[in-house]
Every structure is written in structure tokens, then in C-alpha cells.
Amino acid sequence: MTSPFEFPVTVYYEDTDCTGLVYHAKYLNFMERARSAWLASLGFSLSKMHEAGKVIVVHSLQINYCQPAKLHNQLIVKTEMVEMGKASMLFKQEIYLDNKVVCVANIKLACVATNSKPCALPELLKDLLK
């Protein structure tokens, strides 16, 4: 639905486990940063959305780890929205090291009101994504 957005990430010591490899959950942090940067690049403000009483949360995800990343690696997170519903979005995100896939995830996000009830995505966001 959208063309891939590329976001660079440097692996820091805090991202690694005792073996010097990126801790598995840190990949999700890298993907979250990339999605936030993608929205900001479109001119969409998550903080303004929150002020309006709506937030975007992870509904579900599926991730495959293909090879490890290590301390000081320079990674690229590719983010692509593949589907948009009334209250949700589906993303494919891939992390690369030297043009080789490190991990791949399919992440479904849902829009909820700050009271945790499902609600429609903001019209501004929908307009930016068309």
C-alpha cells in the first residue's frame, strides 16, 4: 500500500545481551522507532493524536529471526504498511544488515481511545496514507 520507509539504527551496548548479540526484544524497539519516524515523516503527530484521546497500540505480531545482529552494527529497518482498515493497520517490517535480512515481522496496530476502547483511525492519518 505504501512504499518502504527506511530508518537507520546503530546497535548500542544497551541493545545487546551478555553474548554481544542484539537481545530479541530490542528488534521490536527498533521497529517501533521506525514506525514513529515514518509517521513523523508524513507530518503526523502521535502526541497530537494522544491529546485528541486516541492512541495506536500493537494488536498482534509475528516475527522471524533470520540472523543475529551485533554490537556496533549499522542496521536498516524497512517499514511498509500493507493494509489499512477502519481501526487498524498491518505493517511488514524487515531489519537488514549489509543487505541481508536479520528479521522480518508482520505487525498489526489498532487504534483505541485512551479508555482502551477500539475506535476509528484519525481521518488526518487516513488522508496522509491515501
Protein backbone atom coordinates (compact mmCIF):
# COMPACT_ATOMS: atom_id res chain seq x y z
CA MET A 1 0.00 0.00 0.00
CA THR A 2 2.89 2.37 0.75
CA SER A 3 6.45 2.37 -0.48
CA PRO A 4 9.01 1.17 2.09
CA PHE A 5 10.37 3.71 4.55
CA GLU A 6 14.00 3.16 5.57
CA PHE A 7 15.23 4.01 9.06
CA PRO A 8 18.87 3.58 10.17
CA VAL A 9 19.67 2.08 13.58
CA THR A 10 23.02 1.72 15.29
CA VAL A 11 23.31 -1.17 17.75
CA TYR A 12 24.49 0.09 21.14
CA TYR A 13 25.74 -1.87 24.14
CA GLU A 14 22.34 -1.45 25.83
CA ASP A 15 20.74 -3.35 22.91
CA THR A 16 22.82 -6.49 23.43
CA ASP A 17 22.77 -9.46 25.75
CA CYS A 18 25.72 -11.00 27.59
CA THR A 19 26.97 -12.60 24.34
CA GLY A 20 27.17 -9.29 22.45
CA LEU A 21 24.17 -10.15 20.24
CA VAL A 22 21.09 -7.95 19.98
CA TYR A 23 18.56 -9.08 22.58
CA HIS A 24 15.47 -10.45 20.80
CA ALA A 25 13.02 -7.88 22.21
CA LYS A 26 15.20 -4.95 21.11
CA TYR A 27 14.28 -5.64 17.48
CA LEU A 28 10.72 -4.64 18.39
CA ASN A 29 12.06 -1.35 19.80
CA PHE A 30 13.89 -0.69 16.52
CA MET A 31 10.67 -1.37 14.59
CA GLU A 32 8.64 0.91 16.88
CA ARG A 33 11.12 3.74 16.33
CA ALA A 34 10.94 3.21 12.58
CA ARG A 35 7.11 3.32 12.54
CA SER A 36 7.13 6.51 14.65
CA ALA A 37 9.73 8.11 12.36
CA TRP A 38 7.68 7.08 9.31
CA LEU A 39 4.56 8.77 10.72
CA ALA A 40 6.56 11.89 11.60
CA SER A 41 7.99 11.98 8.06
CA LEU A 42 4.39 12.11 6.79
CA GLY A 43 3.67 15.07 9.06
CA PHE A 44 1.56 13.07 11.51
CA SER A 45 1.95 13.73 15.25
CA LEU A 46 1.38 10.87 17.65
CA SER A 47 1.37 13.32 20.58
CA LYS A 48 -1.44 15.37 18.99
CA MET A 49 -3.36 12.14 18.41
CA HIS A 50 -2.94 11.30 22.09
CA GLU A 51 -4.11 14.79 23.08
CA ALA A 52 -7.22 14.13 20.97
CA GLY A 53 -7.91 11.00 23.04
CA LYS A 54 -6.63 8.28 20.70
CA VAL A 55 -3.55 6.06 20.67
CA ILE A 56 -2.12 3.35 18.45
CA VAL A 57 -1.29 0.04 20.14
CA VAL A 58 0.19 -3.24 18.97
CA HIS A 59 -2.65 -5.70 18.50
CA SER A 60 -0.61 -8.69 17.36
CA LEU A 61 2.69 -9.58 15.75
CA GLN A 62 4.55 -12.43 14.14
CA ILE A 63 8.34 -12.26 13.90
CA ASN A 64 11.03 -14.45 12.36
CA TYR A 65 14.67 -14.07 13.34
CA CYS A 66 16.99 -14.95 10.45
CA GLN A 67 20.46 -13.98 11.65
CA PRO A 68 21.86 -12.12 14.65
CA ALA A 69 22.94 -8.51 14.78
CA LYS A 70 25.83 -7.45 17.00
CA LEU A 71 27.22 -4.51 18.89
CA HIS A 72 28.02 -1.51 16.63
CA ASN A 73 26.22 -2.98 13.60
CA GLN A 74 24.54 -0.44 11.35
CA LEU A 75 21.04 -1.72 10.61
CA ILE A 76 18.29 -0.55 8.28
CA VAL A 77 14.66 -1.00 9.30
CA LYS A 78 12.33 -1.10 6.31
CA THR A 79 8.71 -0.32 7.12
CA GLU A 80 5.78 -0.80 4.79
CA MET A 81 2.09 -0.53 5.53
CA VAL A 82 0.37 -3.32 3.62
CA GLU A 83 -3.22 -2.90 4.75
CA MET A 84 -5.41 -0.29 6.40
CA GLY A 85 -8.79 -0.98 7.98
CA LYS A 86 -11.24 1.29 9.75
CA ALA A 87 -9.43 0.98 13.08
CA SER A 88 -6.25 -0.95 12.26
CA MET A 89 -3.15 -1.07 10.10
CA LEU A 90 -0.97 -4.02 9.11
CA PHE A 91 2.76 -3.47 8.65
CA LYS A 92 5.55 -5.56 7.23
CA GLN A 93 8.88 -4.61 8.77
CA GLU A 94 12.27 -6.01 7.90
CA ILE A 95 15.62 -5.32 9.50
CA TYR A 96 18.72 -5.57 7.33
CA LEU A 97 22.44 -5.78 7.96
CA ASP A 98 24.60 -5.30 4.86
CA ASN A 99 21.61 -6.07 2.61
CA LYS A 100 20.94 -9.38 4.42
CA VAL A 101 17.72 -9.94 6.33
CA VAL A 102 18.16 -10.04 10.10
CA CYS A 103 14.47 -10.40 10.97
CA VAL A 104 11.02 -9.96 9.46
CA ALA A 105 7.81 -9.07 11.28
CA ASN A 106 4.14 -8.61 10.47
CA ILE A 107 2.66 -6.23 12.99
CA LYS A 108 -1.00 -5.30 13.34
CA LEU A 109 -1.69 -2.00 15.06
CA ALA A 110 -5.07 -0.94 16.41
CA CYS A 111 -6.46 2.47 17.23
CA VAL A 112 -8.02 2.79 20.65
CA ALA A 113 -9.37 5.64 22.72
CA THR A 114 -7.39 6.48 25.82
CA ASN A 115 -10.02 4.47 27.74
CA SER A 116 -8.81 1.38 25.77
CA LYS A 117 -11.98 1.08 23.66
CA PRO A 118 -11.44 0.46 19.91
CA CYS A 119 -12.07 3.47 17.68
CA ALA A 120 -11.55 4.58 14.10
CA LEU A 121 -8.19 5.77 12.86
CA PRO A 122 -7.95 9.57 12.68
CA GLU A 123 -9.16 10.99 9.36
CA LEU A 124 -5.93 13.01 9.01
CA LEU A 125 -3.91 9.79 9.16
CA LYS A 126 -6.13 8.08 6.62
CA ASP A 127 -5.80 11.09 4.29
CA LEU A 128 -2.00 11.10 4.60
CA LEU A 129 -1.86 7.39 3.74
CA LYS A 130 -4.03 7.59 0.61
